[in-house]
């Protein structure tokens, strides 16, 4: 399917899979960066202490971790959605093909 006309809906599974591959690269890099940062902060905080500062920084880190968890949840939801869209398209194509006589 090379072009999409206004009066019909095209879905190209191979294009979707290419988009998923691009998304996976970006999402994987983001997840790795979040994990690295979390490990770096934990290592630094294990040997760091400053009166009044350590507690405030720990509170900021808790907010950061909450945001990171939300980002990971969004990535997971996008992965699921992309995968489900392809499966719906496959089933739709199979059903449409079944209506065409041999």
N, C-alpha and C. Protein backbone atom coordinates (compact mmCIF):
# COMPACT_ATOMS: atom_id res chain seq x y z
N UNK A 1 0.84 -1.17 0.00
CA UNK A 1 0.00 0.00 0.00
C UNK A 1 0.89 1.23 0.00
N UNK A 2 0.85 1.93 -1.07
CA UNK A 2 1.78 3.04 -1.19
C UNK A 2 1.17 4.39 -0.85
N UNK A 3 -0.13 4.54 -1.01
CA UNK A 3 -0.71 5.85 -0.68
C UNK A 3 -2.05 5.65 0.00
N UNK A 4 -2.42 6.62 0.76
CA UNK A 4 -3.68 6.56 1.49
C UNK A 4 -4.63 7.58 0.90
N UNK A 5 -5.73 7.09 0.33
CA UNK A 5 -6.74 7.98 -0.22
C UNK A 5 -7.66 8.42 0.91
N UNK A 6 -8.27 9.57 0.75
CA UNK A 6 -9.10 10.13 1.80
C UNK A 6 -10.31 9.25 2.14
N UNK A 7 -10.78 8.47 1.17
CA UNK A 7 -11.99 7.68 1.39
C UNK A 7 -11.71 6.25 1.85
N UNK A 8 -10.48 5.94 2.17
CA UNK A 8 -10.18 4.60 2.66
C UNK A 8 -9.07 4.65 3.70
N UNK A 9 -8.97 3.57 4.44
CA UNK A 9 -8.01 3.50 5.53
C UNK A 9 -7.00 2.40 5.20
N UNK A 10 -5.75 2.76 5.09
CA UNK A 10 -4.69 1.79 4.82
C UNK A 10 -3.88 1.56 6.09
N UNK A 11 -3.43 0.34 6.25
CA UNK A 11 -2.55 0.02 7.38
C UNK A 11 -1.46 -0.88 6.83
N UNK A 12 -0.24 -0.43 6.92
CA UNK A 12 0.90 -1.18 6.40
C UNK A 12 1.64 -1.78 7.59
N UNK A 13 1.51 -3.09 7.76
CA UNK A 13 2.12 -3.76 8.90
C UNK A 13 3.64 -3.62 8.89
N UNK A 14 4.25 -3.70 7.72
CA UNK A 14 5.72 -3.59 7.68
C UNK A 14 6.17 -2.18 8.09
N UNK A 15 5.41 -1.16 7.70
CA UNK A 15 5.74 0.20 8.15
C UNK A 15 5.55 0.33 9.65
N UNK A 16 4.50 -0.29 10.16
CA UNK A 16 4.26 -0.27 11.60
C UNK A 16 5.39 -0.96 12.34
N UNK A 17 5.85 -2.08 11.81
CA UNK A 17 6.95 -2.79 12.46
C UNK A 17 8.24 -1.99 12.42
N UNK A 18 8.46 -1.26 11.33
CA UNK A 18 9.64 -0.39 11.26
C UNK A 18 9.53 0.73 12.31
N UNK A 19 8.34 1.29 12.46
CA UNK A 19 8.13 2.32 13.48
C UNK A 19 8.34 1.74 14.88
N UNK A 20 7.86 0.51 15.09
CA UNK A 20 8.06 -0.15 16.38
C UNK A 20 9.55 -0.36 16.66
N UNK A 21 10.29 -0.73 15.64
CA UNK A 21 11.73 -0.94 15.80
C UNK A 21 12.41 0.37 16.20
N UNK A 22 12.04 1.46 15.54
CA UNK A 22 12.59 2.77 15.90
C UNK A 22 12.21 3.14 17.33
N UNK A 23 10.95 2.90 17.68
CA UNK A 23 10.50 3.19 19.04
C UNK A 23 11.28 2.36 20.05
N UNK A 24 11.48 1.08 19.76
CA UNK A 24 12.20 0.20 20.69
C UNK A 24 13.62 0.69 20.93
N UNK A 25 14.28 1.17 19.88
CA UNK A 25 15.64 1.71 20.06
C UNK A 25 15.61 2.91 21.00
N UNK A 26 14.70 3.83 20.75
CA UNK A 26 14.62 5.03 21.59
C UNK A 26 14.18 4.68 23.01
N UNK A 27 13.18 3.83 23.13
CA UNK A 27 12.68 3.44 24.46
C UNK A 27 13.74 2.68 25.24
N UNK A 28 14.45 1.80 24.56
CA UNK A 28 15.51 1.04 25.22
C UNK A 28 16.62 1.95 25.74
N UNK A 29 16.98 2.94 24.93
CA UNK A 29 18.01 3.89 25.36
C UNK A 29 17.53 4.71 26.56
N UNK A 30 16.26 5.11 26.54
CA UNK A 30 15.71 5.88 27.65
C UNK A 30 15.64 5.03 28.92
N UNK A 31 15.18 3.79 28.79
CA UNK A 31 15.11 2.90 29.95
C UNK A 31 16.50 2.63 30.52
N UNK A 32 17.48 2.45 29.64
CA UNK A 32 18.85 2.22 30.10
C UNK A 32 19.39 3.45 30.82
N UNK A 33 19.09 4.64 30.30
CA UNK A 33 19.54 5.88 30.94
C UNK A 33 18.90 6.03 32.32
N UNK A 34 17.62 5.71 32.43
CA UNK A 34 16.94 5.78 33.73
C UNK A 34 17.57 4.80 34.72
N UNK A 35 17.85 3.60 34.27
CA UNK A 35 18.45 2.58 35.15
C UNK A 35 19.85 2.99 35.58
N UNK A 36 20.64 3.52 34.62
CA UNK A 36 22.01 3.97 34.94
C UNK A 36 21.97 5.10 35.96
N UNK A 37 21.10 6.05 35.74
CA UNK A 37 21.00 7.19 36.65
C UNK A 37 20.60 6.72 38.04
N UNK A 38 19.63 5.82 38.11
CA UNK A 38 19.18 5.30 39.40
C UNK A 38 20.34 4.63 40.13
N UNK A 39 21.11 3.82 39.43
CA UNK A 39 22.25 3.13 40.04
C UNK A 39 23.32 4.13 40.47
N UNK A 40 23.61 5.11 39.62
CA UNK A 40 24.61 6.13 39.96
C UNK A 40 24.21 6.91 41.21
N UNK A 41 22.94 7.29 41.29
CA UNK A 41 22.46 8.06 42.45
C UNK A 41 22.53 7.20 43.70
N UNK A 42 22.10 5.94 43.62
CA UNK A 42 22.16 5.06 44.79
C UNK A 42 23.60 4.88 45.27
N UNK A 43 24.53 4.71 44.34
CA UNK A 43 25.94 4.57 44.71
C UNK A 43 26.47 5.85 45.35
N UNK A 44 26.11 6.99 44.79
CA UNK A 44 26.58 8.27 45.34
C UNK A 44 25.97 8.52 46.72
N UNK A 45 24.69 8.24 46.86
CA UNK A 45 24.02 8.50 48.14
C UNK A 45 24.49 7.55 49.24
N UNK A 46 25.02 6.40 48.86
CA UNK A 46 25.51 5.45 49.85
C UNK A 46 26.74 6.00 50.58
N UNK A 47 27.47 6.91 49.95
CA UNK A 47 28.69 7.44 50.56
C UNK A 47 28.60 8.95 50.84
N UNK A 48 27.43 9.53 50.63
CA UNK A 48 27.26 10.98 50.76
C UNK A 48 26.36 11.31 51.94
N UNK A 49 26.76 12.30 52.69
CA UNK A 49 25.92 12.77 53.79
C UNK A 49 26.24 14.24 54.04
N UNK A 50 25.19 15.04 54.11
CA UNK A 50 25.36 16.46 54.44
C UNK A 50 24.12 16.89 55.22
N UNK A 51 24.35 17.49 56.36
CA UNK A 51 23.23 17.90 57.22
C UNK A 51 22.25 18.79 56.46
N UNK A 52 20.98 18.40 56.48
CA UNK A 52 19.94 19.19 55.86
C UNK A 52 19.84 19.05 54.35
N UNK A 53 20.91 18.62 53.73
CA UNK A 53 20.92 18.51 52.27
C UNK A 53 20.53 17.09 51.85
N UNK A 54 21.03 16.11 52.54
CA UNK A 54 20.78 14.71 52.16
C UNK A 54 19.29 14.40 52.14
N UNK A 55 18.56 14.86 53.14
CA UNK A 55 17.12 14.59 53.20
C UNK A 55 16.37 15.28 52.07
N UNK A 56 16.74 16.51 51.78
CA UNK A 56 16.08 17.24 50.68
C UNK A 56 16.38 16.58 49.35
N UNK A 57 17.63 16.15 49.18
CA UNK A 57 17.99 15.49 47.93
C UNK A 57 17.26 14.15 47.81
N UNK A 58 17.12 13.43 48.90
CA UNK A 58 16.39 12.16 48.88
C UNK A 58 14.93 12.39 48.46
N UNK A 59 14.34 13.48 48.92
CA UNK A 59 12.96 13.81 48.53
C UNK A 59 12.88 14.11 47.04
N UNK A 60 13.87 14.83 46.53
CA UNK A 60 13.91 15.11 45.09
C UNK A 60 14.08 13.82 44.30
N UNK A 61 14.91 12.93 44.79
CA UNK A 61 15.11 11.64 44.12
C UNK A 61 13.83 10.81 44.10
N UNK A 62 13.06 10.89 45.17
CA UNK A 62 11.78 10.17 45.21
C UNK A 62 10.86 10.68 44.11
N UNK A 63 10.84 12.00 43.91
CA UNK A 63 10.04 12.58 42.82
C UNK A 63 10.56 12.11 41.46
N UNK A 64 11.87 12.11 41.31
CA UNK A 64 12.48 11.66 40.06
C UNK A 64 12.12 10.21 39.79
N UNK A 65 12.20 9.36 40.81
CA UNK A 65 11.87 7.95 40.63
C UNK A 65 10.40 7.75 40.28
N UNK A 66 9.53 8.56 40.86
CA UNK A 66 8.11 8.49 40.51
C UNK A 66 7.90 8.85 39.05
N UNK A 67 8.57 9.91 38.61
CA UNK A 67 8.47 10.31 37.20
C UNK A 67 9.04 9.23 36.29
N UNK A 68 10.16 8.64 36.68
CA UNK A 68 10.76 7.57 35.89
C UNK A 68 9.84 6.37 35.77
N UNK A 69 9.16 6.04 36.86
CA UNK A 69 8.21 4.94 36.85
C UNK A 69 7.05 5.25 35.91
N UNK A 70 6.59 6.49 35.90
CA UNK A 70 5.52 6.89 34.99
C UNK A 70 5.98 6.79 33.54
N UNK A 71 7.20 7.20 33.25
CA UNK A 71 7.74 7.10 31.90
C UNK A 71 7.80 5.64 31.46
N UNK A 72 8.27 4.77 32.35
CA UNK A 72 8.32 3.34 32.03
C UNK A 72 6.93 2.79 31.76
N UNK A 73 5.93 3.25 32.51
CA UNK A 73 4.55 2.82 32.29
C UNK A 73 4.03 3.27 30.93
N UNK A 74 4.38 4.49 30.54
CA UNK A 74 3.98 5.00 29.23
C UNK A 74 4.64 4.19 28.13
N UNK A 75 5.92 3.89 28.28
CA UNK A 75 6.63 3.07 27.29
C UNK A 75 5.95 1.72 27.16
N UNK A 76 5.60 1.11 28.27
CA UNK A 76 4.93 -0.19 28.26
C UNK A 76 3.58 -0.10 27.55
N UNK A 77 2.83 0.96 27.82
CA UNK A 77 1.52 1.13 27.18
C UNK A 77 1.66 1.31 25.67
N UNK A 78 2.67 2.06 25.25
CA UNK A 78 2.90 2.26 23.81
C UNK A 78 3.29 0.94 23.17
N UNK A 79 4.17 0.17 23.81
CA UNK A 79 4.55 -1.14 23.27
C UNK A 79 3.32 -2.03 23.07
N UNK A 80 2.48 -2.08 24.08
CA UNK A 80 1.28 -2.91 24.01
C UNK A 80 0.36 -2.44 22.89
N UNK A 81 0.16 -1.14 22.80
CA UNK A 81 -0.72 -0.58 21.78
C UNK A 81 -0.21 -0.87 20.37
N UNK A 82 1.08 -0.67 20.15
CA UNK A 82 1.65 -0.94 18.83
C UNK A 82 1.49 -2.40 18.45
N UNK A 83 1.75 -3.27 19.38
CA UNK A 83 1.62 -4.71 19.13
C UNK A 83 0.17 -5.09 18.85
N UNK A 84 -0.75 -4.57 19.65
CA UNK A 84 -2.17 -4.88 19.45
C UNK A 84 -2.67 -4.34 18.12
N UNK A 85 -2.22 -3.16 17.71
CA UNK A 85 -2.64 -2.61 16.42
C UNK A 85 -2.26 -3.53 15.28
N UNK A 86 -1.05 -4.06 15.31
CA UNK A 86 -0.63 -4.98 14.26
C UNK A 86 -1.47 -6.24 14.26
N UNK A 87 -1.78 -6.76 15.43
CA UNK A 87 -2.58 -7.98 15.52
C UNK A 87 -4.00 -7.73 15.00
N UNK A 88 -4.57 -6.59 15.33
CA UNK A 88 -5.90 -6.24 14.83
C UNK A 88 -5.86 -6.13 13.30
N UNK A 89 -4.82 -5.50 12.77
CA UNK A 89 -4.69 -5.38 11.32
C UNK A 89 -4.55 -6.75 10.66
N UNK A 90 -3.75 -7.64 11.25
CA UNK A 90 -3.60 -8.98 10.69
C UNK A 90 -4.95 -9.71 10.64
N UNK A 91 -5.67 -9.65 11.74
CA UNK A 91 -6.99 -10.31 11.79
C UNK A 91 -7.94 -9.69 10.77
N UNK A 92 -7.92 -8.38 10.65
CA UNK A 92 -8.78 -7.70 9.68
C UNK A 92 -8.45 -8.11 8.26
N UNK A 93 -7.16 -8.19 7.95
CA UNK A 93 -6.75 -8.61 6.61
C UNK A 93 -7.14 -10.05 6.34
N UNK A 94 -6.98 -10.91 7.33
CA UNK A 94 -7.38 -12.31 7.16
C UNK A 94 -8.88 -12.43 6.96
N UNK A 95 -9.63 -11.67 7.73
CA UNK A 95 -11.08 -11.72 7.60
C UNK A 95 -11.51 -11.19 6.23
N UNK A 96 -10.91 -10.09 5.80
CA UNK A 96 -11.24 -9.54 4.48
C UNK A 96 -10.89 -10.54 3.38
N UNK A 97 -9.74 -11.18 3.51
CA UNK A 97 -9.32 -12.16 2.50
C UNK A 97 -10.27 -13.35 2.46
N UNK A 98 -10.85 -13.70 3.60
CA UNK A 98 -11.76 -14.86 3.63
C UNK A 98 -13.05 -14.59 2.87
N UNK A 99 -13.39 -13.34 2.64
CA UNK A 99 -14.61 -13.00 1.90
C UNK A 99 -14.40 -13.00 0.39
N UNK A 100 -13.17 -13.10 -0.03
CA UNK A 100 -12.87 -13.10 -1.47
C UNK A 100 -12.86 -14.54 -1.95
N UNK A 101 -13.70 -14.86 -2.94
CA UNK A 101 -13.74 -16.25 -3.42
C UNK A 101 -12.44 -16.62 -4.13
N UNK A 102 -12.13 -17.90 -4.05
CA UNK A 102 -10.90 -18.39 -4.70
C UNK A 102 -11.02 -18.44 -6.18
